[in-house]
Amino acid sequence: MVLLFWTKLFKIITSMPTNPEQLVEQIRVATNYQKNKQALKAKISTDLHLAYAGGLFLIDTNLLAFLATWPDDELYIEDVYNNPIKITRQELLDQARQHYQSAMNTWHIEHEELKRIRKI
């Protein structure tokens, strides 16, 4: 265990650039990655909104779980503007699942691209 730690530490130290310009470039790339990652998350958060029955809903795992487990087919739920909206549970659940999965797929693809660019 200790040997593994020292081996990893040695690899990190020996892979660090000795040229100050290279070090500055590595820091810039890492900082850009974090900024781009935050911007991507904000974009996906916006994409996770779904208009339904005159209301706007933020699709998250809590809403999906609530809709999946609620026993009644029609109910009123609060939208992002704090308005009670009458919904058909199964219909909203189906649309929400599709919308959520589409947004998560987009997020995954774009995040993998960010990681790939960072490693170049």
PDB file of N, CA and C in Angstrom:
ATOM      1  N   MET A   1       0.827  -1.183   0.000  1.00  0.00           N
ATOM      2  CA  MET A   1       0.000   0.000   0.000  1.00  0.00           C
ATOM      3  C   MET A   1       0.878   1.255   0.000  1.00  0.00           C
ATOM      4  N   VAL A   2       1.865   1.269   0.886  1.00  0.00           N
ATOM      5  CA  VAL A   2       2.768   2.417   0.967  1.00  0.00           C
ATOM      6  C   VAL A   2       3.581   2.530  -0.317  1.00  0.00           C
ATOM      7  N   LEU A   3       4.015   1.390  -0.844  1.00  0.00           N
ATOM      8  CA  LEU A   3       4.785   1.392  -2.085  1.00  0.00           C
ATOM      9  C   LEU A   3       3.952   1.945  -3.232  1.00  0.00           C
ATOM     10  N   LEU A   4       2.677   1.599  -3.284  1.00  0.00           N
ATOM     11  CA  LEU A   4       1.785   2.101  -4.320  1.00  0.00           C
ATOM     12  C   LEU A   4       1.662   3.617  -4.229  1.00  0.00           C
ATOM     13  N   PHE A   5       1.511   4.136  -3.020  1.00  0.00           N
ATOM     14  CA  PHE A   5       1.432   5.587  -2.808  1.00  0.00           C
ATOM     15  C   PHE A   5       2.684   6.270  -3.339  1.00  0.00           C
ATOM     16  N   TRP A   6       3.857   5.767  -2.960  1.00  0.00           N
ATOM     17  CA  TRP A   6       5.112   6.393  -3.382  1.00  0.00           C
ATOM     18  C   TRP A   6       5.325   6.263  -4.880  1.00  0.00           C
ATOM     19  N   THR A   7       4.877   5.181  -5.451  1.00  0.00           N
ATOM     20  CA  THR A   7       4.992   5.006  -6.899  1.00  0.00           C
ATOM     21  C   THR A   7       4.150   6.047  -7.622  1.00  0.00           C
ATOM     22  N   LYS A   8       2.912   6.230  -7.168  1.00  0.00           N
ATOM     23  CA  LYS A   8       2.042   7.227  -7.791  1.00  0.00           C
ATOM     24  C   LYS A   8       2.597   8.630  -7.595  1.00  0.00           C
ATOM     25  N   LEU A   9       3.079   8.927  -6.410  1.00  0.00           N
ATOM     26  CA  LEU A   9       3.648  10.237  -6.133  1.00  0.00           C
ATOM     27  C   LEU A   9       4.861  10.495  -7.023  1.00  0.00           C
ATOM     28  N   PHE A  10       5.700   9.484  -7.201  1.00  0.00           N
ATOM     29  CA  PHE A  10       6.877   9.624  -8.063  1.00  0.00           C
ATOM     30  C   PHE A  10       6.461   9.924  -9.502  1.00  0.00           C
ATOM     31  N   LYS A  11       5.429   9.224  -9.988  1.00  0.00           N
ATOM     32  CA  LYS A  11       4.944   9.458 -11.354  1.00  0.00           C
ATOM     33  C   LYS A  11       4.424  10.880 -11.513  1.00  0.00           C
ATOM     34  N   ILE A  12       3.721  11.378 -10.511  1.00  0.00           N
ATOM     35  CA  ILE A  12       3.189  12.735 -10.579  1.00  0.00           C
ATOM     36  C   ILE A  12       4.324  13.751 -10.602  1.00  0.00           C
ATOM     37  N   ILE A  13       5.291  13.559  -9.715  1.00  0.00           N
ATOM     38  CA  ILE A  13       6.401  14.512  -9.615  1.00  0.00           C
ATOM     39  C   ILE A  13       7.238  14.496 -10.887  1.00  0.00           C
ATOM     40  N   THR A  14       7.540  13.316 -11.408  1.00  0.00           N
ATOM     41  CA  THR A  14       8.390  13.241 -12.595  1.00  0.00           C
ATOM     42  C   THR A  14       7.667  13.665 -13.862  1.00  0.00           C
ATOM     43  N   SER A  15       6.338  13.682 -13.856  1.00  0.00           N
ATOM     44  CA  SER A  15       5.609  14.104 -15.050  1.00  0.00           C
ATOM     45  C   SER A  15       5.318  15.602 -15.051  1.00  0.00           C
ATOM     46  N   MET A  16       5.651  16.282 -13.952  1.00  0.00           N
ATOM     47  CA  MET A  16       5.420  17.721 -13.887  1.00  0.00           C
ATOM     48  C   MET A  16       6.412  18.430 -14.808  1.00  0.00           C
ATOM     49  N   PRO A  17       5.919  19.442 -15.519  1.00  0.00           N
ATOM     50  CA  PRO A  17       6.834  20.155 -16.413  1.00  0.00           C
ATOM     51  C   PRO A  17       7.848  20.978 -15.626  1.00  0.00           C
ATOM     52  N   THR A  18       9.039  21.058 -16.152  1.00  0.00           N
ATOM     53  CA  THR A  18      10.076  21.864 -15.510  1.00  0.00           C
ATOM     54  C   THR A  18      10.108  23.262 -16.118  1.00  0.00           C
ATOM     55  N   ASN A  19       9.568  23.396 -17.293  1.00  0.00           N
ATOM     56  CA  ASN A  19       9.513  24.678 -17.972  1.00  0.00           C
ATOM     57  C   ASN A  19       8.337  25.493 -17.399  1.00  0.00           C
ATOM     58  N   PRO A  20       8.560  26.731 -16.951  1.00  0.00           N
ATOM     59  CA  PRO A  20       7.470  27.525 -16.373  1.00  0.00           C
ATOM     60  C   PRO A  20       6.313  27.764 -17.348  1.00  0.00           C
ATOM     61  N   GLU A  21       6.627  27.913 -18.636  1.00  0.00           N
ATOM     62  CA  GLU A  21       5.567  28.123 -19.626  1.00  0.00           C
ATOM     63  C   GLU A  21       4.670  26.889 -19.735  1.00  0.00           C
ATOM     64  N   GLN A  22       5.260  25.711 -19.665  1.00  0.00           N
ATOM     65  CA  GLN A  22       4.473  24.480 -19.715  1.00  0.00           C
ATOM     66  C   GLN A  22       3.586  24.353 -18.479  1.00  0.00           C
ATOM     67  N   LEU A  23       4.125  24.733 -17.333  1.00  0.00           N
ATOM     68  CA  LEU A  23       3.360  24.679 -16.092  1.00  0.00           C
ATOM     69  C   LEU A  23       2.178  25.647 -16.158  1.00  0.00           C
ATOM     70  N   VAL A  24       2.424  26.856 -16.658  1.00  0.00           N
ATOM     71  CA  VAL A  24       1.360  27.845 -16.801  1.00  0.00           C
ATOM     72  C   VAL A  24       0.287  27.316 -17.760  1.00  0.00           C
ATOM     73  N   GLU A  25       0.708  26.682 -18.834  1.00  0.00           N
ATOM     74  CA  GLU A  25      -0.241  26.130 -19.810  1.00  0.00           C
ATOM     75  C   GLU A  25      -1.084  25.011 -19.188  1.00  0.00           C
ATOM     76  N   GLN A  26      -0.461  24.149 -18.399  1.00  0.00           N
ATOM     77  CA  GLN A  26      -1.209  23.077 -17.727  1.00  0.00           C
ATOM     78  C   GLN A  26      -2.237  23.647 -16.757  1.00  0.00           C
ATOM     79  N   ILE A  27      -1.853  24.669 -16.039  1.00  0.00           N
ATOM     80  CA  ILE A  27      -2.787  25.305 -15.094  1.00  0.00           C
ATOM     81  C   ILE A  27      -3.932  25.953 -15.859  1.00  0.00           C
ATOM     82  N   ARG A  28      -3.627  26.612 -16.973  1.00  0.00           N
ATOM     83  CA  ARG A  28      -4.658  27.247 -17.789  1.00  0.00           C
ATOM     84  C   ARG A  28      -5.650  26.216 -18.323  1.00  0.00           C
ATOM     85  N   VAL A  29      -5.147  25.098 -18.807  1.00  0.00           N
ATOM     86  CA  VAL A  29      -6.013  24.045 -19.332  1.00  0.00           C
ATOM     87  C   VAL A  29      -6.903  23.483 -18.229  1.00  0.00           C
ATOM     88  N   ALA A  30      -6.333  23.247 -17.052  1.00  0.00           N
ATOM     89  CA  ALA A  30      -7.117  22.718 -15.934  1.00  0.00           C
ATOM     90  C   ALA A  30      -8.187  23.714 -15.499  1.00  0.00           C
ATOM     91  N   THR A  31      -7.837  24.991 -15.462  1.00  0.00           N
ATOM     92  CA  THR A  31      -8.806  26.025 -15.086  1.00  0.00           C
ATOM     93  C   THR A  31      -9.910  26.136 -16.124  1.00  0.00           C
ATOM     94  N   ASN A  32      -9.550  26.120 -17.388  1.00  0.00           N
ATOM     95  CA  ASN A  32     -10.554  26.160 -18.455  1.00  0.00           C
ATOM     96  C   ASN A  32     -11.482  24.958 -18.372  1.00  0.00           C
ATOM     97  N   TYR A  33     -10.938  23.809 -18.055  1.00  0.00           N
ATOM     98  CA  TYR A  33     -11.749  22.595 -17.932  1.00  0.00           C
ATOM     99  C   TYR A  33     -12.806  22.782 -16.849  1.00  0.00           C
ATOM    100  N   GLN A  34     -12.397  23.301 -15.690  1.00  0.00           N
ATOM    101  CA  GLN A  34     -13.348  23.497 -14.595  1.00  0.00           C
ATOM    102  C   GLN A  34     -14.410  24.532 -14.966  1.00  0.00           C
ATOM    103  N   LYS A  35     -14.010  25.614 -15.623  1.00  0.00           N
ATOM    104  CA  LYS A  35     -14.981  26.630 -16.051  1.00  0.00           C
ATOM    105  C   LYS A  35     -15.944  26.042 -17.080  1.00  0.00           C
ATOM    106  N   ASN A  36     -15.409  25.311 -18.036  1.00  0.00           N
ATOM    107  CA  ASN A  36     -16.252  24.701 -19.068  1.00  0.00           C
ATOM    108  C   ASN A  36     -17.188  23.658 -18.469  1.00  0.00           C
ATOM    109  N   LYS A  37     -16.701  22.929 -17.489  1.00  0.00           N
ATOM    110  CA  LYS A  37     -17.526  21.925 -16.816  1.00  0.00           C
ATOM    111  C   LYS A  37     -18.693  22.594 -16.088  1.00  0.00           C
ATOM    112  N   GLN A  38     -18.426  23.703 -15.417  1.00  0.00           N
ATOM    113  CA  GLN A  38     -19.481  24.444 -14.722  1.00  0.00           C
ATOM    114  C   GLN A  38     -20.487  25.020 -15.713  1.00  0.00           C
ATOM    115  N   ALA A  39     -20.001  25.552 -16.828  1.00  0.00           N
ATOM    116  CA  ALA A  39     -20.890  26.108 -17.851  1.00  0.00           C
ATOM    117  C   ALA A  39     -21.764  25.015 -18.455  1.00  0.00           C
ATOM    118  N   LEU A  40     -21.181  23.851 -18.675  1.00  0.00           N
ATOM    119  CA  LEU A  40     -21.941  22.726 -19.222  1.00  0.00           C
ATOM    120  C   LEU A  40     -23.032  22.290 -18.248  1.00  0.00           C
ATOM    121  N   LYS A  41     -22.710  22.242 -16.964  1.00  0.00           N
ATOM    122  CA  LYS A  41     -23.715  21.858 -15.967  1.00  0.00           C
ATOM    123  C   LYS A  41     -24.859  22.865 -15.937  1.00  0.00           C
ATOM    124  N   ALA A  42     -24.547  24.153 -16.039  1.00  0.00           N
ATOM    125  CA  ALA A  42     -25.592  25.189 -16.059  1.00  0.00           C
ATOM    126  C   ALA A  42     -26.475  25.036 -17.289  1.00  0.00           C
ATOM    127  N   LYS A  43     -25.864  24.724 -18.421  1.00  0.00           N
ATOM    128  CA  LYS A  43     -26.627  24.522 -19.657  1.00  0.00           C
ATOM    129  C   LYS A  43     -27.571  23.330 -19.515  1.00  0.00           C
ATOM    130  N   ILE A  44     -27.076  22.242 -18.963  1.00  0.00           N
ATOM    131  CA  ILE A  44     -27.895  21.042 -18.803  1.00  0.00           C
ATOM    132  C   ILE A  44     -29.010  21.298 -17.795  1.00  0.00           C
ATOM    133  N   SER A  45     -28.736  22.059 -16.755  1.00  0.00           N
ATOM    134  CA  SER A  45     -29.780  22.393 -15.775  1.00  0.00           C
ATOM    135  C   SER A  45     -30.929  23.129 -16.456  1.00  0.00           C
ATOM    136  N   THR A  46     -30.602  24.003 -17.390  1.00  0.00           N
ATOM    137  CA  THR A  46     -31.630  24.701 -18.159  1.00  0.00           C
ATOM    138  C   THR A  46     -32.370  23.721 -19.068  1.00  0.00           C
ATOM    139  N   ASP A  47     -31.636  22.809 -19.672  1.00  0.00           N
ATOM    140  CA  ASP A  47     -32.248  21.825 -20.572  1.00  0.00           C
ATOM    141  C   ASP A  47     -33.182  20.864 -19.841  1.00  0.00           C
ATOM    142  N   LEU A  48     -33.038  20.746 -18.546  1.00  0.00           N
ATOM    143  CA  LEU A  48     -33.857  19.803 -17.780  1.00  0.00           C
ATOM    144  C   LEU A  48     -35.248  20.348 -17.439  1.00  0.00           C
ATOM    145  N   HIS A  49     -35.610  21.490 -17.980  1.00  0.00           N
ATOM    146  CA  HIS A  49     -36.951  22.033 -17.772  1.00  0.00           C
ATOM    147  C   HIS A  49     -37.880  21.507 -18.866  1.00  0.00           C
ATOM    148  N   LEU A  50     -39.089  21.155 -18.462  1.00  0.00           N
ATOM    149  CA  LEU A  50     -40.075  20.596 -19.384  1.00  0.00           C
ATOM    150  C   LEU A  50     -41.390  21.340 -19.219  1.00  0.00           C
ATOM    151  N   ALA A  51     -41.919  21.835 -20.320  1.00  0.00           N
ATOM    152  CA  ALA A  51     -43.237  22.475 -20.300  1.00  0.00           C
ATOM    153  C   ALA A  51     -44.301  21.385 -20.435  1.00  0.00           C
ATOM    154  N   TYR A  52     -45.288  21.435 -19.543  1.00  0.00           N
ATOM    155  CA  TYR A  52     -46.354  20.433 -19.562  1.00  0.00           C
ATOM    156  C   TYR A  52     -47.611  21.048 -18.952  1.00  0.00           C
ATOM    157  N   ALA A  53     -48.721  20.938 -19.641  1.00  0.00           N
ATOM    158  CA  ALA A  53     -50.048  21.359 -19.158  1.00  0.00           C
ATOM    159  C   ALA A  53     -50.058  22.791 -18.640  1.00  0.00           C
ATOM    160  N   GLY A  54     -49.360  23.674 -19.315  1.00  0.00           N
ATOM    161  CA  GLY A  54     -49.349  25.074 -18.909  1.00  0.00           C
ATOM    162  C   GLY A  54     -48.401  25.386 -17.776  1.00  0.00           C
ATOM    163  N   GLY A  55     -47.605  24.430 -17.369  1.00  0.00           N
ATOM    164  CA  GLY A  55     -46.631  24.649 -16.308  1.00  0.00           C
ATOM    165  C   GLY A  55     -45.233  24.327 -16.795  1.00  0.00           C
ATOM    166  N   LEU A  56     -44.248  24.701 -16.025  1.00  0.00           N
ATOM    167  CA  LEU A  56     -42.856  24.401 -16.342  1.00  0.00           C
ATOM    168  C   LEU A  56     -42.277  23.620 -15.174  1.00  0.00           C
ATOM    169  N   PHE A  57     -41.730  22.453 -15.473  1.00  0.00           N
ATOM    170  CA  PHE A  57     -41.242  21.560 -14.425  1.00  0.00           C
ATOM    171  C   PHE A  57     -39.754  21.290 -14.609  1.00  0.00           C
ATOM    172  N   LEU A  58     -39.034  21.305 -13.493  1.00  0.00           N
ATOM    173  CA  LEU A  58     -37.632  20.901 -13.501  1.00  0.00           C
ATOM    174  C   LEU A  58     -37.606  19.392 -13.311  1.00  0.00           C
ATOM    175  N   ILE A  59     -37.110  18.700 -14.308  1.00  0.00           N
ATOM    176  CA  ILE A  59     -37.071  17.242 -14.255  1.00  0.00           C
ATOM    177  C   ILE A  59     -35.804  16.833 -13.517  1.00  0.00           C
ATOM    178  N   ASP A  60     -35.979  16.230 -12.369  1.00  0.00           N
ATOM    179  CA  ASP A  60     -34.858  15.692 -11.605  1.00  0.00           C
ATOM    180  C   ASP A  60     -35.268  14.334 -11.049  1.00  0.00           C
ATOM    181  N   THR A  61     -34.357  13.702 -10.379  1.00  0.00           N
ATOM    182  CA  THR A  61     -34.638  12.355  -9.876  1.00  0.00           C
ATOM    183  C   THR A  61     -35.741  12.356  -8.828  1.00  0.00           C
ATOM    184  N   ASN A  62     -35.877  13.448  -8.084  1.00  0.00           N
ATOM    185  CA  ASN A  62     -36.950  13.517  -7.087  1.00  0.00           C
ATOM    186  C   ASN A  62     -38.320  13.515  -7.757  1.00  0.00           C
ATOM    187  N   LEU A  63     -38.473  14.317  -8.802  1.00  0.00           N
ATOM    188  CA  LEU A  63     -39.755  14.355  -9.511  1.00  0.00           C
ATOM    189  C   LEU A  63     -40.039  13.011 -10.170  1.00  0.00           C
ATOM    190  N   LEU A  64     -39.037  12.423 -10.787  1.00  0.00           N
ATOM    191  CA  LEU A  64     -39.230  11.117 -11.430  1.00  0.00           C
ATOM    192  C   LEU A  64     -39.656  10.063 -10.412  1.00  0.00           C
ATOM    193  N   ALA A  65     -39.017  10.037  -9.270  1.00  0.00           N
ATOM    194  CA  ALA A  65     -39.365   9.059  -8.235  1.00  0.00           C
ATOM    195  C   ALA A  65     -40.769   9.319  -7.697  1.00  0.00           C
ATOM    196  N   PHE A  66     -41.101  10.582  -7.491  1.00  0.00           N
ATOM    197  CA  PHE A  66     -42.435  10.926  -6.998  1.00  0.00           C
ATOM    198  C   PHE A  66     -43.513  10.462  -7.978  1.00  0.00           C
ATOM    199  N   LEU A  67     -43.314  10.782  -9.250  1.00  0.00           N
ATOM    200  CA  LEU A  67     -44.305  10.392 -10.263  1.00  0.00           C
ATOM    201  C   LEU A  67     -44.400   8.873 -10.398  1.00  0.00           C
ATOM    202  N   ALA A  68     -43.292   8.189 -10.278  1.00  0.00           N
ATOM    203  CA  ALA A  68     -43.286   6.730 -10.430  1.00  0.00           C
ATOM    204  C   ALA A  68     -43.996   6.021  -9.282  1.00  0.00           C
ATOM    205  N   THR A  69     -44.018   6.640  -8.119  1.00  0.00           N
ATOM    206  CA  THR A  69     -44.583   5.946  -6.958  1.00  0.00           C
ATOM    207  C   THR A  69     -45.963   6.450  -6.536  1.00  0.00           C
ATOM    208  N   TRP A  70     -46.404   7.578  -7.057  1.00  0.00           N
ATOM    209  CA  TRP A  70     -47.701   8.116  -6.651  1.00  0.00           C
ATOM    210  C   TRP A  70     -48.821   7.215  -7.168  1.00  0.00           C
ATOM    211  N   PRO A  71     -49.795   6.863  -6.330  1.00  0.00           N
ATOM    212  CA  PRO A  71     -50.816   5.892  -6.737  1.00  0.00           C
ATOM    213  C   PRO A  71     -51.914   6.452  -7.656  1.00  0.00           C
ATOM    214  N   ASP A  72     -52.252   7.731  -7.546  1.00  0.00           N
ATOM    215  CA  ASP A  72     -53.345   8.296  -8.346  1.00  0.00           C
ATOM    216  C   ASP A  72     -52.844   8.723  -9.709  1.00  0.00           C
ATOM    217  N   ASP A  73     -53.749   8.647 -10.719  1.00  0.00           N
ATOM    218  CA  ASP A  73     -53.329   9.010 -12.065  1.00  0.00           C
ATOM    219  C   ASP A  73     -53.413  10.513 -12.311  1.00  0.00           C
ATOM    220  N   GLU A  74     -54.332  11.201 -11.670  1.00  0.00           N
ATOM    221  CA  GLU A  74     -54.416  12.650 -11.821  1.00  0.00           C
ATOM    222  C   GLU A  74     -54.143  13.308 -10.476  1.00  0.00           C
ATOM    223  N   LEU A  75     -53.357  14.376 -10.512  1.00  0.00           N
ATOM    224  CA  LEU A  75     -53.040  15.095  -9.288  1.00  0.00           C
ATOM    225  C   LEU A  75     -52.556  16.485  -9.627  1.00  0.00           C
ATOM    226  N   TYR A  76     -52.408  17.298  -8.622  1.00  0.00           N
ATOM    227  CA  TYR A  76     -51.873  18.649  -8.769  1.00  0.00           C
ATOM    228  C   TYR A  76     -50.463  18.657  -8.185  1.00  0.00           C
ATOM    229  N   ILE A  77     -49.540  19.196  -8.980  1.00  0.00           N
ATOM    230  CA  ILE A  77     -48.188  19.372  -8.451  1.00  0.00           C
ATOM    231  C   ILE A  77     -47.730  20.795  -8.757  1.00  0.00           C
ATOM    232  N   GLU A  78     -46.790  21.246  -7.981  1.00  0.00           N
ATOM    233  CA  GLU A  78     -46.286  22.610  -8.100  1.00  0.00           C
ATOM    234  C   GLU A  78     -45.210  22.676  -9.184  1.00  0.00           C
ATOM    235  N   ASP A  79     -45.330  23.693 -10.054  1.00  0.00           N
ATOM    236  CA  ASP A  79     -44.295  23.871 -11.073  1.00  0.00           C
ATOM    237  C   ASP A  79     -43.211  24.812 -10.543  1.00  0.00           C
ATOM    238  N   VAL A  80     -42.252  25.172 -11.394  1.00  0.00           N
ATOM    239  CA  VAL A  80     -41.133  26.002 -10.933  1.00  0.00           C
ATOM    240  C   VAL A  80     -41.565  27.421 -10.572  1.00  0.00           C
ATOM    241  N   TYR A  81     -42.737  27.844 -11.041  1.00  0.00           N
ATOM    242  CA  TYR A  81     -43.254  29.169 -10.716  1.00  0.00           C
ATOM    243  C   TYR A  81     -44.227  29.136  -9.534  1.00  0.00           C
ATOM    244  N   ASN A  82     -44.232  28.011  -8.809  1.00  0.00           N
ATOM    245  CA  ASN A  82     -45.074  27.834  -7.620  1.00  0.00           C
ATOM    246  C   ASN A  82     -46.569  27.861  -7.934  1.00  0.00           C
ATOM    247  N   ASN A  83     -46.923  27.384  -9.117  1.00  0.00           N
ATOM    248  CA  ASN A  83     -48.328  27.274  -9.493  1.00  0.00           C
ATOM    249  C   ASN A  83     -48.757  25.814  -9.404  1.00  0.00           C
ATOM    250  N   PRO A  84     -49.940  25.558  -8.861  1.00  0.00           N
ATOM    251  CA  PRO A  84     -50.429  24.168  -8.860  1.00  0.00           C
ATOM    252  C   PRO A  84     -50.948  23.815 -10.254  1.00  0.00           C
ATOM    253  N   ILE A  85     -50.417  22.772 -10.821  1.00  0.00           N
ATOM    254  CA  ILE A  85     -50.777  22.360 -12.180  1.00  0.00           C
ATOM    255  C   ILE A  85     -51.379  20.957 -12.116  1.00  0.00           C
ATOM    256  N   LYS A  86     -52.545  20.804 -12.753  1.00  0.00           N
ATOM    257  CA  LYS A  86     -53.172  19.480 -12.813  1.00  0.00           C
ATOM    258  C   LYS A  86     -52.458  18.666 -13.885  1.00  0.00           C
ATOM    259  N   ILE A  87     -51.995  17.498 -13.492  1.00  0.00           N
ATOM    260  CA  ILE A  87     -51.243  16.649 -14.422  1.00  0.00           C
ATOM    261  C   ILE A  87     -51.834  15.243 -14.458  1.00  0.00           C
ATOM    262  N   THR A  88     -51.582  14.581 -15.555  1.00  0.00           N
ATOM    263  CA  THR A  88     -51.838  13.154 -15.663  1.00  0.00           C
ATOM    264  C   THR A  88     -50.512  12.480 -15.374  1.00  0.00           C
ATOM    265  N   ARG A  89     -50.439  11.784 -14.279  1.00  0.00           N
ATOM    266  CA  ARG A  89     -49.182  11.261 -13.748  1.00  0.00           C
ATOM    267  C   ARG A  89     -48.393  10.451 -14.766  1.00  0.00           C
ATOM    268  N   GLN A  90     -49.002   9.461 -15.390  1.00  0.00           N
ATOM    269  CA  GLN A  90     -48.270   8.582 -16.301  1.00  0.00           C
ATOM    270  C   GLN A  90     -47.793   9.333 -17.543  1.00  0.00           C
ATOM    271  N   GLU A  91     -48.608  10.252 -18.026  1.00  0.00           N
ATOM    272  CA  GLU A  91     -48.225  11.025 -19.206  1.00  0.00           C
ATOM    273  C   GLU A  91     -47.008  11.903 -18.913  1.00  0.00           C
ATOM    274  N   LEU A  92     -47.059  12.618 -17.778  1.00  0.00           N
ATOM    275  CA  LEU A  92     -45.921  13.448 -17.403  1.00  0.00           C
ATOM    276  C   LEU A  92     -44.691  12.590 -17.105  1.00  0.00           C
ATOM    277  N   LEU A  93     -44.893  11.459 -16.466  1.00  0.00           N
ATOM    278  CA  LEU A  93     -43.767  10.574 -16.164  1.00  0.00           C
ATOM    279  C   LEU A  93     -43.081  10.105 -17.439  1.00  0.00           C
ATOM    280  N   ASP A  94     -43.865   9.698 -18.429  1.00  0.00           N
ATOM    281  CA  ASP A  94     -43.274   9.241 -19.700  1.00  0.00           C
ATOM    282  C   ASP A  94     -42.486  10.358 -20.381  1.00  0.00           C
ATOM    283  N   GLN A  95     -43.074  11.552 -20.444  1.00  0.00           N
ATOM    284  CA  GLN A  95     -42.385  12.678 -21.077  1.00  0.00           C
ATOM    285  C   GLN A  95     -41.147  13.077 -20.279  1.00  0.00           C
ATOM    286  N   ALA A  96     -41.289  13.068 -18.967  1.00  0.00           N
ATOM    287  CA  ALA A  96     -40.167  13.462 -18.110  1.00  0.00           C
ATOM    288  C   ALA A  96     -39.001  12.483 -18.240  1.00  0.00           C
ATOM    289  N   ARG A  97     -39.295  11.201 -18.294  1.00  0.00           N
ATOM    290  CA  ARG A  97     -38.228  10.198 -18.453  1.00  0.00           C
ATOM    291  C   ARG A  97     -37.472  10.420 -19.763  1.00  0.00           C
ATOM    292  N   GLN A  98     -38.210  10.609 -20.851  1.00  0.00           N
ATOM    293  CA  GLN A  98     -37.569  10.828 -22.147  1.00  0.00           C
ATOM    294  C   GLN A  98     -36.725  12.097 -22.135  1.00  0.00           C
ATOM    295  N   HIS A  99     -37.298  13.155 -21.584  1.00  0.00           N
ATOM    296  CA  HIS A  99     -36.598  14.436 -21.538  1.00  0.00           C
ATOM    297  C   HIS A  99     -35.339  14.337 -20.671  1.00  0.00           C
ATOM    298  N   TYR A 100     -35.464  13.705 -19.522  1.00  0.00           N
ATOM    299  CA  TYR A 100     -34.339  13.547 -18.598  1.00  0.00           C
ATOM    300  C   TYR A 100     -33.222  12.724 -19.255  1.00  0.00           C
ATOM    301  N   GLN A 101     -33.585  11.624 -19.876  1.00  0.00           N
ATOM    302  CA  GLN A 101     -32.575  10.765 -20.491  1.00  0.00           C
ATOM    303  C   GLN A 101     -31.874  11.474 -21.646  1.00  0.00           C
ATOM    304  N   SER A 102     -32.624  12.224 -22.425  1.00  0.00           N
ATOM    305  CA  SER A 102     -32.033  12.979 -23.520  1.00  0.00           C
ATOM    306  C   SER A 102     -31.027  14.010 -22.998  1.00  0.00           C
ATOM    307  N   ALA A 103     -31.406  14.737 -21.957  1.00  0.00           N
ATOM    308  CA  ALA A 103     -30.497  15.737 -21.379  1.00  0.00           C
ATOM    309  C   ALA A 103     -29.263  15.076 -20.769  1.00  0.00           C
ATOM    310  N   MET A 104     -29.449  13.957 -20.092  1.00  0.00           N
ATOM    311  CA  MET A 104     -28.310  13.267 -19.479  1.00  0.00           C
ATOM    312  C   MET A 104     -27.368  12.697 -20.543  1.00  0.00           C
ATOM    313  N   ASN A 105     -27.929  12.192 -21.639  1.00  0.00           N
ATOM    314  CA  ASN A 105     -27.089  11.692 -22.735  1.00  0.00           C
ATOM    315  C   ASN A 105     -26.260  12.826 -23.325  1.00  0.00           C
ATOM    316  N   THR A 106     -26.909  13.973 -23.543  1.00  0.00           N
ATOM    317  CA  THR A 106     -26.188  15.137 -24.068  1.00  0.00           C
ATOM    318  C   THR A 106     -25.081  15.558 -23.120  1.00  0.00           C
ATOM    319  N   TRP A 107     -25.403  15.593 -21.818  1.00  0.00           N
ATOM    320  CA  TRP A 107     -24.417  15.987 -20.820  1.00  0.00           C
ATOM    321  C   TRP A 107     -23.230  15.028 -20.839  1.00  0.00           C
ATOM    322  N   HIS A 108     -23.508  13.747 -20.894  1.00  0.00           N
ATOM    323  CA  HIS A 108     -22.431  12.750 -20.892  1.00  0.00           C
ATOM    324  C   HIS A 108     -21.532  12.916 -22.119  1.00  0.00           C
ATOM    325  N   ILE A 109     -22.138  13.064 -23.277  1.00  0.00           N
ATOM    326  CA  ILE A 109     -21.359  13.198 -24.517  1.00  0.00           C
ATOM    327  C   ILE A 109     -20.483  14.450 -24.461  1.00  0.00           C
ATOM    328  N   GLU A 110     -21.061  15.569 -24.055  1.00  0.00           N
ATOM    329  CA  GLU A 110     -20.300  16.818 -24.009  1.00  0.00           C
ATOM    330  C   GLU A 110     -19.232  16.788 -22.908  1.00  0.00           C
ATOM    331  N   HIS A 111     -19.524  16.115 -21.803  1.00  0.00           N
ATOM    332  CA  HIS A 111     -18.528  16.004 -20.729  1.00  0.00           C
ATOM    333  C   HIS A 111     -17.353  15.142 -21.184  1.00  0.00           C
ATOM    334  N   GLU A 112     -17.638  14.059 -21.874  1.00  0.00           N
ATOM    335  CA  GLU A 112     -16.554  13.217 -22.390  1.00  0.00           C
ATOM    336  C   GLU A 112     -15.684  13.992 -23.375  1.00  0.00           C
ATOM    337  N   GLU A 113     -16.303  14.858 -24.179  1.00  0.00           N
ATOM    338  CA  GLU A 113     -15.542  15.690 -25.108  1.00  0.00           C
ATOM    339  C   GLU A 113     -14.646  16.672 -24.354  1.00  0.00           C
ATOM    340  N   LEU A 114     -15.172  17.257 -23.276  1.00  0.00           N
ATOM    341  CA  LEU A 114     -14.343  18.140 -22.452  1.00  0.00           C
ATOM    342  C   LEU A 114     -13.149  17.399 -21.867  1.00  0.00           C
ATOM    343  N   LYS A 115     -13.387  16.199 -21.376  1.00  0.00           N
ATOM    344  CA  LYS A 115     -12.287  15.406 -20.806  1.00  0.00           C
ATOM    345  C   LYS A 115     -11.257  15.059 -21.868  1.00  0.00           C
ATOM    346  N   ARG A 116     -11.733  14.751 -23.082  1.00  0.00           N
ATOM    347  CA  ARG A 116     -10.819  14.404 -24.169  1.00  0.00           C
ATOM    348  C   ARG A 116      -9.952  15.605 -24.547  1.00  0.00           C
ATOM    349  N   ILE A 117     -10.565  16.763 -24.647  1.00  0.00           N
ATOM    350  CA  ILE A 117      -9.834  17.972 -25.002  1.00  0.00           C
ATOM    351  C   ILE A 117      -8.805  18.311 -23.927  1.00  0.00           C
ATOM    352  N   ARG A 118      -9.177  18.091 -22.683  1.00  0.00           N
ATOM    353  CA  ARG A 118      -8.274  18.393 -21.562  1.00  0.00           C
ATOM    354  C   ARG A 118      -7.005  17.557 -21.637  1.00  0.00           C
ATOM    355  N   LYS A 119      -7.134  16.307 -22.092  1.00  0.00           N
ATOM    356  CA  LYS A 119      -5.987  15.400 -22.113  1.00  0.00           C
ATOM    357  C   LYS A 119      -5.057  15.639 -23.285  1.00  0.00           C
ATOM    358  N   ILE A 120      -5.502  16.388 -24.266  1.00  0.00           N
ATOM    359  CA  ILE A 120      -4.655  16.622 -25.463  1.00  0.00           C
ATOM    360  C   ILE A 120      -3.489  17.503 -25.120  1.00  0.00           C
TER     361      ILE A 120
END
